[in-house]
């Protein structure tokens, strides 16, 4: 076994792999952003769900209705 190959591979930064769900949700948020009335909501939902990974109702409700306290 050649350890030089292994150490070269380990030095490379890991490749970020998107999940199937992440790709589908990303496409959904892209389509949602194009719909009338959802242009401002879609980026907030994308941030909560895809970037922060939060699926809790309070966080999603806040993304949908930011003015309601």
N, C-alpha and C. Protein backbone atom coordinates (compact mmCIF):
# COMPACT_ATOMS: atom_id res chain seq x y z
N UNK A 1 0.85 -1.17 0.00
CA UNK A 1 0.00 0.00 0.00
C UNK A 1 0.89 1.23 0.00
N UNK A 2 0.62 2.17 -0.87
CA UNK A 2 1.41 3.38 -0.99
C UNK A 2 0.81 4.47 -0.11
N UNK A 3 1.50 4.82 0.98
CA UNK A 3 0.97 5.82 1.91
C UNK A 3 1.07 7.23 1.36
N UNK A 4 1.91 7.47 0.36
CA UNK A 4 2.02 8.80 -0.23
C UNK A 4 0.70 9.19 -0.90
N UNK A 5 0.04 8.23 -1.53
CA UNK A 5 -1.25 8.52 -2.16
C UNK A 5 -2.30 8.86 -1.12
N UNK A 6 -2.31 8.16 -0.02
CA UNK A 6 -3.29 8.40 1.03
C UNK A 6 -3.09 9.77 1.64
N UNK A 7 -1.84 10.14 1.93
CA UNK A 7 -1.60 11.45 2.55
C UNK A 7 -1.91 12.58 1.59
N UNK A 8 -1.70 12.37 0.28
CA UNK A 8 -2.06 13.40 -0.71
C UNK A 8 -3.57 13.61 -0.73
N UNK A 9 -4.32 12.52 -0.66
CA UNK A 9 -5.77 12.62 -0.66
C UNK A 9 -6.27 13.29 0.62
N UNK A 10 -5.63 13.03 1.73
CA UNK A 10 -6.05 13.59 3.00
C UNK A 10 -5.79 15.10 3.05
N UNK A 11 -4.80 15.58 2.31
CA UNK A 11 -4.46 17.00 2.31
C UNK A 11 -5.46 17.83 1.53
N UNK A 12 -6.21 17.20 0.61
CA UNK A 12 -7.19 17.92 -0.18
C UNK A 12 -8.41 18.24 0.68
N UNK A 13 -9.01 19.43 0.49
CA UNK A 13 -10.20 19.75 1.27
C UNK A 13 -11.35 18.82 0.90
N UNK A 14 -12.20 18.50 1.85
CA UNK A 14 -13.31 17.59 1.55
C UNK A 14 -14.29 18.24 0.58
N UNK A 15 -14.84 17.44 -0.29
CA UNK A 15 -15.82 17.92 -1.26
C UNK A 15 -17.18 17.91 -0.59
N UNK A 16 -17.90 19.03 -0.69
CA UNK A 16 -19.22 19.10 -0.10
C UNK A 16 -20.21 18.40 -1.02
N UNK A 17 -20.84 17.39 -0.50
CA UNK A 17 -21.80 16.61 -1.27
C UNK A 17 -23.20 17.03 -0.84
N UNK A 18 -24.01 17.37 -1.81
CA UNK A 18 -25.39 17.74 -1.50
C UNK A 18 -26.24 16.49 -1.47
N UNK A 19 -27.15 16.47 -0.53
CA UNK A 19 -28.07 15.35 -0.47
C UNK A 19 -29.16 15.54 -1.51
N UNK A 20 -29.84 14.48 -1.81
CA UNK A 20 -30.95 14.54 -2.77
C UNK A 20 -32.02 15.49 -2.23
N UNK A 21 -32.31 15.39 -0.96
CA UNK A 21 -33.32 16.28 -0.36
C UNK A 21 -32.89 17.73 -0.46
N UNK A 22 -31.60 18.00 -0.25
CA UNK A 22 -31.10 19.37 -0.35
C UNK A 22 -31.25 19.94 -1.74
N UNK A 23 -30.99 19.11 -2.74
CA UNK A 23 -31.13 19.54 -4.13
C UNK A 23 -32.60 19.81 -4.45
N UNK A 24 -33.47 18.91 -4.03
CA UNK A 24 -34.90 19.08 -4.30
C UNK A 24 -35.43 20.32 -3.58
N UNK A 25 -35.07 20.50 -2.33
CA UNK A 25 -35.53 21.68 -1.59
C UNK A 25 -34.97 22.96 -2.21
N UNK A 26 -33.72 22.92 -2.66
CA UNK A 26 -33.14 24.09 -3.31
C UNK A 26 -33.90 24.47 -4.57
N UNK A 27 -34.27 23.47 -5.36
CA UNK A 27 -35.07 23.72 -6.57
C UNK A 27 -36.45 24.25 -6.20
N UNK A 28 -37.03 23.72 -5.13
CA UNK A 28 -38.33 24.21 -4.67
C UNK A 28 -38.25 25.68 -4.27
N UNK A 29 -37.22 26.04 -3.52
CA UNK A 29 -37.09 27.44 -3.09
C UNK A 29 -36.81 28.35 -4.28
N UNK A 30 -36.09 27.87 -5.28
CA UNK A 30 -35.87 28.65 -6.50
C UNK A 30 -37.20 28.92 -7.21
N UNK A 31 -38.03 27.88 -7.34
CA UNK A 31 -39.33 28.02 -7.99
C UNK A 31 -40.25 28.91 -7.15
N UNK A 32 -40.21 28.75 -5.84
CA UNK A 32 -41.04 29.55 -4.95
C UNK A 32 -40.70 31.03 -5.06
N UNK A 33 -39.42 31.34 -5.19
CA UNK A 33 -38.98 32.74 -5.29
C UNK A 33 -39.53 33.41 -6.54
N UNK A 34 -39.85 32.64 -7.58
CA UNK A 34 -40.37 33.20 -8.82
C UNK A 34 -41.88 33.45 -8.77
N UNK A 35 -42.55 32.89 -7.76
CA UNK A 35 -44.00 33.05 -7.64
C UNK A 35 -44.33 34.39 -7.00
N UNK A 36 -45.41 34.98 -7.46
CA UNK A 36 -45.84 36.28 -6.94
C UNK A 36 -46.16 36.16 -5.44
N UNK A 37 -45.62 37.07 -4.69
CA UNK A 37 -45.86 37.10 -3.25
C UNK A 37 -44.89 36.28 -2.42
N UNK A 38 -44.03 35.51 -3.06
CA UNK A 38 -43.11 34.65 -2.31
C UNK A 38 -41.64 35.04 -2.51
N UNK A 39 -41.38 36.10 -3.24
CA UNK A 39 -40.00 36.50 -3.54
C UNK A 39 -39.21 36.84 -2.29
N UNK A 40 -39.87 37.41 -1.28
CA UNK A 40 -39.18 37.75 -0.04
C UNK A 40 -39.13 36.58 0.94
N UNK A 41 -40.11 35.72 0.87
CA UNK A 41 -40.20 34.60 1.81
C UNK A 41 -39.22 33.48 1.47
N UNK A 42 -39.08 33.18 0.19
CA UNK A 42 -38.25 32.04 -0.24
C UNK A 42 -36.82 32.10 0.28
N UNK A 43 -36.13 33.25 0.20
CA UNK A 43 -34.75 33.28 0.73
C UNK A 43 -34.68 33.04 2.24
N UNK A 44 -35.68 33.52 2.97
CA UNK A 44 -35.70 33.29 4.42
C UNK A 44 -35.92 31.81 4.73
N UNK A 45 -36.83 31.18 4.00
CA UNK A 45 -37.06 29.74 4.20
C UNK A 45 -35.83 28.93 3.82
N UNK A 46 -35.19 29.31 2.70
CA UNK A 46 -33.97 28.62 2.27
C UNK A 46 -32.91 28.69 3.36
N UNK A 47 -32.74 29.86 3.95
CA UNK A 47 -31.73 30.04 4.98
C UNK A 47 -32.02 29.16 6.19
N UNK A 48 -33.27 29.17 6.64
CA UNK A 48 -33.63 28.39 7.82
C UNK A 48 -33.48 26.90 7.56
N UNK A 49 -34.02 26.43 6.44
CA UNK A 49 -34.06 24.99 6.18
C UNK A 49 -32.73 24.46 5.65
N UNK A 50 -32.17 25.09 4.63
CA UNK A 50 -30.97 24.53 3.99
C UNK A 50 -29.67 24.95 4.66
N UNK A 51 -29.55 26.21 5.02
CA UNK A 51 -28.29 26.68 5.58
C UNK A 51 -28.18 26.37 7.08
N UNK A 52 -29.25 26.65 7.82
CA UNK A 52 -29.21 26.41 9.27
C UNK A 52 -29.64 24.99 9.64
N UNK A 53 -30.37 24.34 8.74
CA UNK A 53 -30.81 22.97 8.98
C UNK A 53 -31.87 22.84 10.06
N UNK A 54 -32.69 23.87 10.21
CA UNK A 54 -33.72 23.87 11.25
C UNK A 54 -35.06 23.52 10.62
N UNK A 55 -35.73 22.51 11.16
CA UNK A 55 -37.03 22.11 10.65
C UNK A 55 -38.12 22.29 11.70
N UNK A 56 -37.85 23.05 12.74
CA UNK A 56 -38.81 23.26 13.81
C UNK A 56 -39.87 24.28 13.39
N UNK A 57 -41.09 24.05 13.80
CA UNK A 57 -42.20 24.92 13.42
C UNK A 57 -41.97 26.38 13.78
N UNK A 58 -41.49 26.71 14.99
CA UNK A 58 -41.31 28.14 15.32
C UNK A 58 -40.37 28.87 14.37
N UNK A 59 -39.30 28.23 13.97
CA UNK A 59 -38.34 28.86 13.05
C UNK A 59 -38.94 29.05 11.66
N UNK A 60 -39.66 28.06 11.20
CA UNK A 60 -40.30 28.17 9.89
C UNK A 60 -41.42 29.19 9.92
N UNK A 61 -42.17 29.22 11.00
CA UNK A 61 -43.24 30.20 11.15
C UNK A 61 -42.66 31.62 11.14
N UNK A 62 -41.54 31.83 11.81
CA UNK A 62 -40.88 33.14 11.82
C UNK A 62 -40.39 33.52 10.43
N UNK A 63 -39.90 32.56 9.66
CA UNK A 63 -39.46 32.84 8.30
C UNK A 63 -40.64 33.21 7.41
N UNK A 64 -41.78 32.57 7.64
CA UNK A 64 -42.98 32.86 6.84
C UNK A 64 -43.63 34.18 7.25
N UNK A 65 -43.68 34.44 8.54
CA UNK A 65 -44.38 35.60 9.07
C UNK A 65 -43.46 36.39 9.99
N UNK A 66 -42.48 37.11 9.44
CA UNK A 66 -41.49 37.78 10.28
C UNK A 66 -42.04 38.95 11.13
N UNK A 67 -43.15 39.51 10.72
CA UNK A 67 -43.71 40.66 11.44
C UNK A 67 -44.57 40.28 12.62
N UNK A 68 -44.95 39.02 12.72
CA UNK A 68 -45.79 38.56 13.81
C UNK A 68 -44.91 38.17 14.99
N UNK A 69 -45.22 38.70 16.15
CA UNK A 69 -44.43 38.36 17.34
C UNK A 69 -45.18 37.48 18.28
